[in-house]
Protein backbone atom coordinates (compact mmCIF):
# COMPACT_ATOMS: atom_id res chain seq x y z
CA MET A 1 194.83 262.69 59.10
CA ALA A 2 193.77 258.98 60.52
CA LYS A 3 193.94 256.03 58.08
CA ARG A 4 193.41 252.30 57.90
CA SER A 5 196.68 250.40 58.72
CA SER A 6 197.97 247.25 57.23
CA PHE A 7 200.13 244.54 59.06
CA SER A 8 201.68 241.84 57.46
CA CYS A 9 204.24 239.04 58.09
CA SER A 10 205.78 236.65 55.12
CA CYS A 11 207.23 233.37 55.96
CA PRO A 12 209.22 231.52 53.21
CA ALA A 13 208.47 228.14 52.59
CA ALA A 14 210.72 225.64 50.41
CA THR A 15 208.18 223.33 49.13
CA VAL A 16 206.93 226.76 47.11
CA ASP A 17 209.99 228.04 46.51
CA PRO A 18 213.03 225.58 46.87
CA SER A 19 215.50 228.22 46.59
CA GLN A 20 214.42 230.07 49.72
CA TYR A 21 216.88 227.66 51.70
CA VAL A 22 218.57 224.67 51.43
CA ARG A 23 216.75 222.85 54.90
CA GLY A 24 213.12 223.48 55.91
CA GLY A 25 209.74 222.69 54.42
CA GLU A 26 206.34 224.38 55.02
CA PRO A 27 206.24 226.97 58.02
CA HIS A 28 204.10 225.21 61.05
CA ILE A 29 202.18 228.08 61.61
CA ASP A 30 198.61 227.90 63.02
CA GLU A 31 198.02 231.61 63.34
CA VAL A 32 199.42 234.86 63.46
CA ARG A 33 198.09 237.70 65.55
CA VAL A 34 199.22 241.26 66.06
CA VAL A 35 198.81 242.82 69.85
CA GLY A 36 199.39 246.71 70.48
CA ASP A 37 198.45 249.69 72.02
CA PHE A 38 196.45 250.61 68.76
CA GLN A 39 193.48 247.84 70.11
CA SER A 40 191.81 250.64 72.05
CA ALA A 41 191.34 252.63 68.95
CA LEU A 42 189.18 249.61 67.34
CA GLY A 43 187.20 249.45 70.63
CA GLY A 44 189.33 246.75 72.42
CA THR A 45 191.82 246.45 75.08
CA ASP A 46 195.44 247.25 74.73
CA TRP A 47 197.82 244.53 74.36
CA ASP A 48 195.09 241.96 75.00
CA HIS A 49 196.78 238.63 73.22
CA ASN A 50 193.16 236.97 73.58
CA ALA A 51 191.32 239.63 71.26
CA ALA A 52 194.35 240.51 69.32
CA PRO A 53 193.58 240.48 65.29
CA LEU A 54 194.04 237.55 63.45
CA LEU A 55 196.18 237.94 60.52
CA THR A 56 194.95 236.54 57.12
CA LYS A 57 196.96 233.57 55.68
CA ASN A 58 197.24 233.91 51.72
CA PRO A 59 199.49 232.22 49.33
CA HIS A 60 202.70 234.00 48.46
CA PRO A 61 205.11 233.41 45.46
CA ASN A 62 207.64 232.50 48.22
CA GLY A 63 205.79 230.84 50.70
CA VAL A 64 202.79 232.07 52.76
CA LEU A 65 201.70 235.88 53.60
CA TYR A 66 200.12 237.12 56.43
CA SER A 67 198.17 240.22 56.54
CA PHE A 68 195.28 242.31 58.43
CA LYS A 69 194.17 245.44 57.69
CA THR A 70 192.41 247.73 60.57
CA PRO A 71 188.37 247.80 59.55
CA SER A 72 188.73 251.51 60.86
CA ASP A 73 190.72 254.23 60.71
CA LEU A 74 193.69 254.86 63.38
CA PRO A 75 193.83 258.32 65.30
CA ASP A 76 197.45 260.25 63.97
CA GLY A 77 200.18 258.89 66.30
CA PHE A 78 202.77 256.15 66.73
CA TYR A 79 201.68 252.91 67.71
CA GLN A 80 203.50 249.83 69.67
CA TYR A 81 202.71 246.52 68.43
CA LYS A 82 204.26 243.00 68.37
CA GLY A 83 203.01 239.75 65.85
CA TYR A 84 203.34 236.28 67.67
CA ALA A 85 202.22 233.21 66.34
């Protein structure tokens, strides 16, 4: 059964939750994208870094949460992917 898929990545931020770690501050990440062999199922080209889906940045109780949900169903199967900032 095909279904929409979700990707997420959390980044702790000491300014939001000081108990996360002793050193550090805000994560200095401009954007997070997910690239993989699922992109052709969404109408793109697999492993195309330039057209990889952009994860949306949202506040999280411990820092920042980046997330993306596919706009359409992915066919059943196994997919390989990597996130990069």
